[in-house]
Amino acid sequence: MHSKSTKNLKITIITVCYNSEKTIEKTLESVANQKISNIEHLIIDGKSTDQTLLLVKKYPHIKKIISENDDGIYEAMNKGIEIASGDIIGFLNSDDFYVNNNILSTILNIFDQNPNIDGCYSDLIYTDQFDTSKNIRYWKSSKFKPGLFSKGWCPPHPTFFLRNSIYKKFGKFNLNYRIASDVELMMRLIEVNKIKTFYKSEFWVKMRAGGTTNKNITNIFIQNIEVLKALKSHNLPHNVLIFFANKLISRSLQYLKNSK
């Protein structure tokens, strides 16, 4: 059992951004409006050349801003993990926002009621890139069962909250993966190292469609190839045809499902 009382836990939210002036304010407001006080919000910026940093500096709740060149989103995320002082770490990128102001209090309650868990996750809604009131895809996850990663399953990363101690024990994002490092990380933690997770069947995050991993067919294909590479590197059994078939079916169903 984790010794520290979850009543006193602090959550670190890491927002990675680069030239995000068109979207980041919704992200910042989303964190600022959460109904708990023990939040550490870190901004890891890739040396933006637009108005991103001016917008960020308008929000006094932000604890630290780093703006410097980096080698991609996962290196930036690793920087955030390295300086995070929270007991629990989550990521909310500049295209994402929480569906309501009670999400982080929900996270704290989950850790409070389940002191043995290492992490938790939920479901995600993709919205139109320009009109976030228009929902276009519903990513319903599920409780983890061994073997799911081999079938193309993984939790939506923006809904994935993890104890800081788990990163210290099992490592951060593997920079050998350019698009699928978040999938490899969750695979390494959940499937390989068998950390204890809790799945909450509700939507926590909205994400604008058109991000790095899903902005075009090429990136989607590259990401899946990287996931297969990760499965192989961790000696997890997998069948390429079954993997792609499952991905195609689950993606199609996500567009058809209605919100709760």
C-alpha atoms as a PDB file:
ATOM      1  CA  MET A   1       0.000   0.000   0.000  1.00  0.00           C
ATOM      2  CA  HIS A   2       1.199   3.521  -0.752  1.00  0.00           C
ATOM      3  CA  SER A   3       1.982   5.158   2.576  1.00  0.00           C
ATOM      4  CA  LYS A   4       1.021   8.773   1.935  1.00  0.00           C
ATOM      5  CA  SER A   5      -2.575   9.739   2.613  1.00  0.00           C
ATOM      6  CA  THR A   6      -4.291  10.604  -0.643  1.00  0.00           C
ATOM      7  CA  LYS A   7      -6.153  13.377   1.171  1.00  0.00           C
ATOM      8  CA  ASN A   8      -2.901  15.352   0.943  1.00  0.00           C
ATOM      9  CA  LEU A   9      -1.892  14.365  -2.565  1.00  0.00           C
ATOM     10  CA  LYS A  10      -0.873  17.012  -5.079  1.00  0.00           C
ATOM     11  CA  ILE A  11      -1.524  16.626  -8.805  1.00  0.00           C
ATOM     12  CA  THR A  12       0.944  17.900 -11.390  1.00  0.00           C
ATOM     13  CA  ILE A  13      -0.537  18.675 -14.805  1.00  0.00           C
ATOM     14  CA  ILE A  14       2.022  19.001 -17.598  1.00  0.00           C
ATOM     15  CA  THR A  15       1.057  20.955 -20.717  1.00  0.00           C
ATOM     16  CA  VAL A  16       3.403  20.644 -23.690  1.00  0.00           C
ATOM     17  CA  CYS A  17       2.983  23.278 -26.383  1.00  0.00           C
ATOM     18  CA  TYR A  18       4.525  24.908 -29.433  1.00  0.00           C
ATOM     19  CA  ASN A  19       2.956  27.815 -31.349  1.00  0.00           C
ATOM     20  CA  SER A  20      -0.399  26.989 -29.778  1.00  0.00           C
ATOM     21  CA  GLU A  21      -1.937  30.478 -29.568  1.00  0.00           C
ATOM     22  CA  LYS A  22      -5.159  29.347 -31.275  1.00  0.00           C
ATOM     23  CA  THR A  23      -6.004  26.596 -28.791  1.00  0.00           C
ATOM     24  CA  ILE A  24      -4.036  26.849 -25.556  1.00  0.00           C
ATOM     25  CA  GLU A  25      -6.310  29.261 -23.675  1.00  0.00           C
ATOM     26  CA  LYS A  26      -9.064  26.658 -23.476  1.00  0.00           C
ATOM     27  CA  THR A  27      -6.515  24.241 -22.019  1.00  0.00           C
ATOM     28  CA  LEU A  28      -5.269  26.761 -19.441  1.00  0.00           C
ATOM     29  CA  GLU A  29      -8.792  27.769 -18.400  1.00  0.00           C
ATOM     30  CA  SER A  30      -9.686  24.096 -18.074  1.00  0.00           C
ATOM     31  CA  VAL A  31      -6.969  23.564 -15.459  1.00  0.00           C
ATOM     32  CA  ALA A  32      -7.436  26.931 -13.723  1.00  0.00           C
ATOM     33  CA  ASN A  33     -11.150  26.197 -13.193  1.00  0.00           C
ATOM     34  CA  GLN A  34     -10.663  22.802 -11.530  1.00  0.00           C
ATOM     35  CA  LYS A  35     -12.245  22.745  -8.074  1.00  0.00           C
ATOM     36  CA  ILE A  36      -9.184  21.710  -6.094  1.00  0.00           C
ATOM     37  CA  SER A  37      -6.281  23.861  -4.922  1.00  0.00           C
ATOM     38  CA  ASN A  38      -3.432  21.348  -4.795  1.00  0.00           C
ATOM     39  CA  ILE A  39      -2.566  21.517  -8.494  1.00  0.00           C
ATOM     40  CA  GLU A  40       0.889  22.162  -9.931  1.00  0.00           C
ATOM     41  CA  HIS A  41       0.491  23.239 -13.572  1.00  0.00           C
ATOM     42  CA  LEU A  42       3.715  23.138 -15.618  1.00  0.00           C
ATOM     43  CA  ILE A  43       4.082  24.554 -19.125  1.00  0.00           C
ATOM     44  CA  ILE A  44       6.800  23.020 -21.302  1.00  0.00           C
ATOM     45  CA  ASP A  45       7.052  25.150 -24.436  1.00  0.00           C
ATOM     46  CA  GLY A  46       9.194  24.390 -27.461  1.00  0.00           C
ATOM     47  CA  LYS A  47      10.309  28.032 -27.911  1.00  0.00           C
ATOM     48  CA  SER A  48       7.120  29.284 -29.532  1.00  0.00           C
ATOM     49  CA  THR A  49       7.383  32.195 -31.956  1.00  0.00           C
ATOM     50  CA  ASP A  50       3.721  33.250 -31.807  1.00  0.00           C
ATOM     51  CA  GLN A  51       1.646  34.624 -28.900  1.00  0.00           C
ATOM     52  CA  THR A  52       1.584  31.359 -26.911  1.00  0.00           C
ATOM     53  CA  LEU A  53       3.812  32.550 -24.053  1.00  0.00           C
ATOM     54  CA  LEU A  54       1.990  35.871 -23.716  1.00  0.00           C
ATOM     55  CA  LEU A  55      -1.255  33.947 -23.265  1.00  0.00           C
ATOM     56  CA  VAL A  56       0.328  31.536 -20.778  1.00  0.00           C
ATOM     57  CA  LYS A  57       1.624  34.394 -18.618  1.00  0.00           C
ATOM     58  CA  LYS A  58      -1.945  35.664 -18.159  1.00  0.00           C
ATOM     59  CA  TYR A  59      -2.714  32.676 -15.896  1.00  0.00           C
ATOM     60  CA  PRO A  60      -1.368  33.103 -12.343  1.00  0.00           C
ATOM     61  CA  HIS A  61      -2.131  29.509 -11.326  1.00  0.00           C
ATOM     62  CA  ILE A  62       0.729  28.227 -13.507  1.00  0.00           C
ATOM     63  CA  LYS A  63       3.662  27.229 -11.292  1.00  0.00           C
ATOM     64  CA  LYS A  64       6.480  27.038 -13.844  1.00  0.00           C
ATOM     65  CA  ILE A  65       7.108  27.831 -17.521  1.00  0.00           C
ATOM     66  CA  ILE A  66      10.004  26.350 -19.466  1.00  0.00           C
ATOM     67  CA  SER A  67      10.492  27.647 -23.018  1.00  0.00           C
ATOM     68  CA  GLU A  68      13.409  26.178 -24.937  1.00  0.00           C
ATOM     69  CA  ASN A  69      14.136  24.079 -27.988  1.00  0.00           C
ATOM     70  CA  ASP A  70      13.397  20.391 -27.646  1.00  0.00           C
ATOM     71  CA  ASP A  71      13.503  17.262 -29.760  1.00  0.00           C
ATOM     72  CA  GLY A  72       9.777  16.671 -29.898  1.00  0.00           C
ATOM     73  CA  ILE A  73       6.752  16.226 -27.680  1.00  0.00           C
ATOM     74  CA  TYR A  74       8.047  13.272 -25.664  1.00  0.00           C
ATOM     75  CA  GLU A  75      11.325  14.948 -24.728  1.00  0.00           C
ATOM     76  CA  ALA A  76       9.227  17.916 -23.565  1.00  0.00           C
ATOM     77  CA  MET A  77       7.000  15.582 -21.535  1.00  0.00           C
ATOM     78  CA  ASN A  78      10.081  14.028 -19.925  1.00  0.00           C
ATOM     79  CA  LYS A  79      11.263  17.502 -18.902  1.00  0.00           C
ATOM     80  CA  GLY A  80       7.938  18.001 -17.171  1.00  0.00           C
ATOM     81  CA  ILE A  81       8.189  14.683 -15.326  1.00  0.00           C
ATOM     82  CA  GLU A  82      11.710  15.538 -14.147  1.00  0.00           C
ATOM     83  CA  ILE A  83      10.606  18.761 -12.423  1.00  0.00           C
ATOM     84  CA  ALA A  84       7.142  17.618 -11.284  1.00  0.00           C
ATOM     85  CA  SER A  85       6.699  17.781  -7.517  1.00  0.00           C
ATOM     86  CA  GLY A  86       3.171  16.346  -7.506  1.00  0.00           C
ATOM     87  CA  ASP A  87       2.387  12.882  -6.181  1.00  0.00           C
ATOM     88  CA  ILE A  88       0.221  12.220  -9.240  1.00  0.00           C
ATOM     89  CA  ILE A  89       1.111  13.291 -12.790  1.00  0.00           C
ATOM     90  CA  GLY A  90      -1.206  13.866 -15.739  1.00  0.00           C
ATOM     91  CA  PHE A  91      -0.758  15.426 -19.174  1.00  0.00           C
ATOM     92  CA  LEU A  92      -3.083  17.923 -20.824  1.00  0.00           C
ATOM     93  CA  ASN A  93      -1.691  19.164 -24.100  1.00  0.00           C
ATOM     94  CA  SER A  94      -2.563  22.412 -25.824  1.00  0.00           C
ATOM     95  CA  ASP A  95      -5.286  20.790 -27.979  1.00  0.00           C
ATOM     96  CA  ASP A  96      -7.000  19.210 -24.955  1.00  0.00           C
ATOM     97  CA  PHE A  97      -9.300  20.316 -22.147  1.00  0.00           C
ATOM     98  CA  TYR A  98     -11.267  18.711 -19.324  1.00  0.00           C
ATOM     99  CA  VAL A  99     -14.981  18.137 -19.893  1.00  0.00           C
ATOM    100  CA  ASN A 100     -15.907  19.827 -16.592  1.00  0.00           C
ATOM    101  CA  ASN A 101     -14.401  21.500 -13.516  1.00  0.00           C
ATOM    102  CA  ASN A 102     -14.573  18.414 -11.279  1.00  0.00           C
ATOM    103  CA  ILE A 103     -12.246  16.080 -13.179  1.00  0.00           C
ATOM    104  CA  LEU A 104      -9.187  16.482 -10.965  1.00  0.00           C
ATOM    105  CA  SER A 105     -11.230  16.142  -7.782  1.00  0.00           C
ATOM    106  CA  THR A 106     -12.576  12.905  -9.306  1.00  0.00           C
ATOM    107  CA  ILE A 107      -8.972  11.736  -9.802  1.00  0.00           C
ATOM    108  CA  LEU A 108      -8.107  12.490  -6.182  1.00  0.00           C
ATOM    109  CA  ASN A 109     -11.197  10.630  -4.996  1.00  0.00           C
ATOM    110  CA  ILE A 110     -10.237   7.577  -7.061  1.00  0.00           C
ATOM    111  CA  PHE A 111      -6.763   7.458  -5.495  1.00  0.00           C
ATOM    112  CA  ASP A 112      -8.298   8.105  -2.074  1.00  0.00           C
ATOM    113  CA  GLN A 113     -10.784   5.247  -2.391  1.00  0.00           C
ATOM    114  CA  ASN A 114      -8.260   2.888  -4.023  1.00  0.00           C
ATOM    115  CA  PRO A 115      -4.967   3.387  -2.151  1.00  0.00           C
ATOM    116  CA  ASN A 116      -3.330   0.359  -3.780  1.00  0.00           C
ATOM    117  CA  ILE A 117      -3.583   1.615  -7.364  1.00  0.00           C
ATOM    118  CA  ASP A 118      -0.660   3.075  -9.300  1.00  0.00           C
ATOM    119  CA  GLY A 119      -2.682   4.837 -11.986  1.00  0.00           C
ATOM    120  CA  CYS A 120      -6.126   5.468 -13.410  1.00  0.00           C
ATOM    121  CA  TYR A 121      -7.683   6.356 -16.767  1.00  0.00           C
ATOM    122  CA  SER A 122     -11.038   6.924 -18.456  1.00  0.00           C
ATOM    123  CA  ASP A 123     -12.598   7.810 -21.829  1.00  0.00           C
ATOM    124  CA  LEU A 124     -11.994  10.628 -24.306  1.00  0.00           C
ATOM    125  CA  ILE A 125     -14.014  12.623 -26.833  1.00  0.00           C
ATOM    126  CA  TYR A 126     -12.526  13.921 -30.077  1.00  0.00           C
ATOM    127  CA  THR A 127     -14.019  17.232 -31.178  1.00  0.00           C
ATOM    128  CA  ASP A 128     -13.943  19.158 -34.398  1.00  0.00           C
ATOM    129  CA  GLN A 129     -10.618  20.970 -34.731  1.00  0.00           C
ATOM    130  CA  PHE A 130     -12.258  24.379 -35.006  1.00  0.00           C
ATOM    131  CA  ASP A 131     -15.613  23.889 -33.250  1.00  0.00           C
ATOM    132  CA  THR A 132     -15.061  22.111 -29.926  1.00  0.00           C
ATOM    133  CA  SER A 133     -18.814  21.899 -29.294  1.00  0.00           C
ATOM    134  CA  LYS A 134     -19.013  19.419 -32.174  1.00  0.00           C
ATOM    135  CA  ASN A 135     -18.125  15.891 -31.022  1.00  0.00           C
ATOM    136  CA  ILE A 136     -16.886  13.619 -33.804  1.00  0.00           C
ATOM    137  CA  ARG A 137     -15.484  10.505 -32.123  1.00  0.00           C
ATOM    138  CA  TYR A 138     -15.921   8.749 -28.780  1.00  0.00           C
ATOM    139  CA  TRP A 139     -12.944   6.780 -27.469  1.00  0.00           C
ATOM    140  CA  LYS A 140     -14.424   4.347 -24.962  1.00  0.00           C
ATOM    141  CA  SER A 141     -11.697   2.457 -23.161  1.00  0.00           C
ATOM    142  CA  SER A 142     -12.124  -0.560 -20.883  1.00  0.00           C
ATOM    143  CA  LYS A 143     -10.729  -2.297 -17.845  1.00  0.00           C
ATOM    144  CA  PHE A 144      -7.330  -3.797 -18.625  1.00  0.00           C
ATOM    145  CA  LYS A 145      -6.976  -7.504 -19.219  1.00  0.00           C
ATOM    146  CA  PRO A 146      -3.616  -9.165 -19.976  1.00  0.00           C
ATOM    147  CA  GLY A 147      -2.986  -9.387 -23.725  1.00  0.00           C
ATOM    148  CA  LEU A 148      -4.994  -6.313 -24.734  1.00  0.00           C
ATOM    149  CA  PHE A 149      -1.995  -4.317 -25.934  1.00  0.00           C
ATOM    150  CA  SER A 150      -1.209  -7.096 -28.418  1.00  0.00           C
ATOM    151  CA  LYS A 151      -4.683  -6.539 -29.868  1.00  0.00           C
ATOM    152  CA  GLY A 152      -4.128  -2.821 -30.439  1.00  0.00           C
ATOM    153  CA  TRP A 153      -5.730  -1.607 -27.193  1.00  0.00           C
ATOM    154  CA  CYS A 154      -4.446   1.243 -25.047  1.00  0.00           C
ATOM    155  CA  PRO A 155      -5.979   3.879 -22.749  1.00  0.00           C
ATOM    156  CA  PRO A 156      -6.395   7.465 -24.036  1.00  0.00           C
ATOM    157  CA  HIS A 157      -3.178   9.058 -22.802  1.00  0.00           C
ATOM    158  CA  PRO A 158      -4.661  12.460 -21.795  1.00  0.00           C
ATOM    159  CA  THR A 159      -6.928  10.592 -19.334  1.00  0.00           C
ATOM    160  CA  PHE A 160      -4.028   8.593 -17.854  1.00  0.00           C
ATOM    161  CA  PHE A 161      -2.947   9.679 -14.364  1.00  0.00           C
ATOM    162  CA  LEU A 162       0.018   8.015 -12.717  1.00  0.00           C
ATOM    163  CA  ARG A 163       1.865   8.204  -9.424  1.00  0.00           C
ATOM    164  CA  ASN A 164       5.148  10.113  -9.724  1.00  0.00           C
ATOM    165  CA  SER A 165       6.870   7.200  -7.974  1.00  0.00           C
ATOM    166  CA  ILE A 166       6.008   4.897 -10.891  1.00  0.00           C
ATOM    167  CA  TYR A 167       7.961   7.073 -13.340  1.00  0.00           C
ATOM    168  CA  LYS A 168      10.903   6.980 -10.931  1.00  0.00           C
ATOM    169  CA  LYS A 169      10.688   3.196 -10.724  1.00  0.00           C
ATOM    170  CA  PHE A 170      10.024   2.265 -14.365  1.00  0.00           C
ATOM    171  CA  GLY A 171      11.283   5.239 -16.365  1.00  0.00           C
ATOM    172  CA  LYS A 172       9.860   7.989 -18.551  1.00  0.00           C
ATOM    173  CA  PHE A 173       9.007   8.206 -22.275  1.00  0.00           C
ATOM    174  CA  ASN A 174      11.298   6.267 -24.618  1.00  0.00           C
ATOM    175  CA  LEU A 175      12.532   8.786 -27.202  1.00  0.00           C
ATOM    176  CA  ASN A 176      13.227   6.035 -29.743  1.00  0.00           C
ATOM    177  CA  TYR A 177       9.494   6.198 -30.499  1.00  0.00           C
ATOM    178  CA  ARG A 178       8.628   9.426 -32.310  1.00  0.00           C
ATOM    179  CA  ILE A 179       4.816   9.101 -32.421  1.00  0.00           C
ATOM    180  CA  ALA A 180       3.875   6.143 -30.219  1.00  0.00           C
ATOM    181  CA  SER A 181       6.004   6.703 -27.121  1.00  0.00           C
ATOM    182  CA  ASP A 182       2.890   7.243 -24.985  1.00  0.00           C
ATOM    183  CA  VAL A 183       1.529   3.854 -26.091  1.00  0.00           C
ATOM    184  CA  GLU A 184       4.900   2.199 -25.416  1.00  0.00           C
ATOM    185  CA  LEU A 185       5.009   3.788 -21.956  1.00  0.00           C
ATOM    186  CA  MET A 186       1.538   2.551 -20.994  1.00  0.00           C
ATOM    187  CA  MET A 187       2.331  -0.871 -22.485  1.00  0.00           C
ATOM    188  CA  ARG A 188       5.559  -1.064 -20.494  1.00  0.00           C
ATOM    189  CA  LEU A 189       3.841  -0.060 -17.272  1.00  0.00           C
ATOM    190  CA  ILE A 190       0.495  -1.853 -17.515  1.00  0.00           C
ATOM    191  CA  GLU A 191       1.185  -4.963 -19.615  1.00  0.00           C
ATOM    192  CA  VAL A 192       4.858  -5.647 -18.881  1.00  0.00           C
ATOM    193  CA  ASN A 193       5.383  -4.374 -15.325  1.00  0.00           C
ATOM    194  CA  LYS A 194       1.783  -5.064 -14.279  1.00  0.00           C
ATOM    195  CA  ILE A 195       1.124  -1.851 -12.370  1.00  0.00           C
ATOM    196  CA  LYS A 196      -2.325  -1.634 -10.781  1.00  0.00           C
ATOM    197  CA  THR A 197      -4.751   0.610 -12.658  1.00  0.00           C
ATOM    198  CA  PHE A 198      -8.340   1.727 -12.185  1.00  0.00           C
ATOM    199  CA  TYR A 199     -10.677   2.391 -15.132  1.00  0.00           C
ATOM    200  CA  LYS A 200     -13.501   4.901 -14.723  1.00  0.00           C
ATOM    201  CA  SER A 201     -16.151   4.559 -17.434  1.00  0.00           C
ATOM    202  CA  GLU A 202     -16.799   8.237 -18.098  1.00  0.00           C
ATOM    203  CA  PHE A 203     -15.428  11.000 -20.315  1.00  0.00           C
ATOM    204  CA  TRP A 204     -12.742  13.167 -18.710  1.00  0.00           C
ATOM    205  CA  VAL A 205     -11.042  14.895 -21.642  1.00  0.00           C
ATOM    206  CA  LYS A 206     -11.943  16.464 -24.954  1.00  0.00           C
ATOM    207  CA  MET A 207      -9.258  16.567 -27.641  1.00  0.00           C
ATOM    208  CA  ARG A 208      -9.276  18.449 -30.912  1.00  0.00           C
ATOM    209  CA  ALA A 209      -8.913  16.120 -33.893  1.00  0.00           C
ATOM    210  CA  GLY A 210      -5.856  16.699 -36.068  1.00  0.00           C
ATOM    211  CA  GLY A 211      -3.065  16.234 -33.517  1.00  0.00           C
ATOM    212  CA  THR A 212       0.323  14.726 -34.340  1.00  0.00           C
ATOM    213  CA  THR A 213      -0.721  11.085 -34.222  1.00  0.00           C
ATOM    214  CA  ASN A 214      -4.010  11.394 -36.120  1.00  0.00           C
ATOM    215  CA  LYS A 215      -3.552  14.337 -38.447  1.00  0.00           C
ATOM    216  CA  ASN A 216      -3.137  12.110 -41.521  1.00  0.00           C
ATOM    217  CA  ILE A 217      -3.132   8.487 -42.680  1.00  0.00           C
ATOM    218  CA  THR A 218       0.669   8.420 -42.831  1.00  0.00           C
ATOM    219  CA  ASN A 219       1.109   9.331 -39.176  1.00  0.00           C
ATOM    220  CA  ILE A 220      -1.569   6.844 -38.099  1.00  0.00           C
ATOM    221  CA  PHE A 221       0.271   4.124 -40.037  1.00  0.00           C
ATOM    222  CA  ILE A 222       3.675   5.126 -38.602  1.00  0.00           C
ATOM    223  CA  GLN A 223       2.253   5.129 -35.085  1.00  0.00           C
ATOM    224  CA  ASN A 224       0.876   1.611 -35.500  1.00  0.00           C
ATOM    225  CA  ILE A 225       4.197   0.379 -36.907  1.00  0.00           C
ATOM    226  CA  GLU A 226       5.901   1.851 -33.829  1.00  0.00           C
ATOM    227  CA  VAL A 227       3.390   0.100 -31.555  1.00  0.00           C
ATOM    228  CA  LEU A 228       4.183  -3.222 -33.260  1.00  0.00           C
ATOM    229  CA  LYS A 229       7.891  -2.464 -32.770  1.00  0.00           C
ATOM    230  CA  ALA A 230       7.208  -1.839 -29.060  1.00  0.00           C
ATOM    231  CA  LEU A 231       5.315  -5.124 -28.735  1.00  0.00           C
ATOM    232  CA  LYS A 232       8.270  -6.933 -30.279  1.00  0.00           C
ATOM    233  CA  SER A 233      10.791  -5.143 -28.034  1.00  0.00           C
ATOM    234  CA  HIS A 234       8.855  -6.241 -24.947  1.00  0.00           C
ATOM    235  CA  ASN A 235       8.517  -9.819 -26.243  1.00  0.00           C
ATOM    236  CA  LEU A 236       4.743  -9.583 -26.290  1.00  0.00           C
ATOM    237  CA  PRO A 237       2.985 -11.975 -28.701  1.00  0.00           C
ATOM    238  CA  HIS A 238       1.193 -10.299 -31.576  1.00  0.00           C
ATOM    239  CA  ASN A 239      -0.283 -11.018 -34.979  1.00  0.00           C
ATOM    240  CA  VAL A 240      -0.022  -8.131 -37.451  1.00  0.00           C
ATOM    241  CA  LEU A 241      -3.275  -8.966 -39.259  1.00  0.00           C
ATOM    242  CA  ILE A 242      -5.271  -9.322 -36.024  1.00  0.00           C
ATOM    243  CA  PHE A 243      -3.675  -6.143 -34.654  1.00  0.00           C
ATOM    244  CA  PHE A 244      -4.670  -4.014 -37.672  1.00  0.00           C
ATOM    245  CA  ALA A 245      -8.106  -5.621 -37.927  1.00  0.00           C
ATOM    246  CA  ASN A 246      -8.839  -4.806 -34.286  1.00  0.00           C
ATOM    247  CA  LYS A 247      -7.589  -1.236 -34.742  1.00  0.00           C
ATOM    248  CA  LEU A 248      -9.820  -0.746 -37.780  1.00  0.00           C
ATOM    249  CA  ILE A 249     -12.904  -2.152 -36.052  1.00  0.00           C
ATOM    250  CA  SER A 250     -12.427  -0.189 -32.817  1.00  0.00           C
ATOM    251  CA  ARG A 251     -11.758   3.059 -34.695  1.00  0.00           C
ATOM    252  CA  SER A 252     -14.903   2.587 -36.805  1.00  0.00           C
ATOM    253  CA  LEU A 253     -17.022   1.931 -33.706  1.00  0.00           C
ATOM    254  CA  GLN A 254     -15.684   5.091 -32.052  1.00  0.00           C
ATOM    255  CA  TYR A 255     -17.229   7.184 -34.817  1.00  0.00           C
ATOM    256  CA  LEU A 256     -20.556   5.385 -34.538  1.00  0.00           C
ATOM    257  CA  LYS A 257     -20.998   5.431 -30.761  1.00  0.00           C
ATOM    258  CA  ASN A 258     -23.115   8.132 -29.182  1.00  0.00           C
ATOM    259  CA  SER A 259     -22.174   9.971 -26.035  1.00  0.00           C
ATOM    260  CA  LYS A 260     -23.643   8.878 -22.754  1.00  0.00           C
END
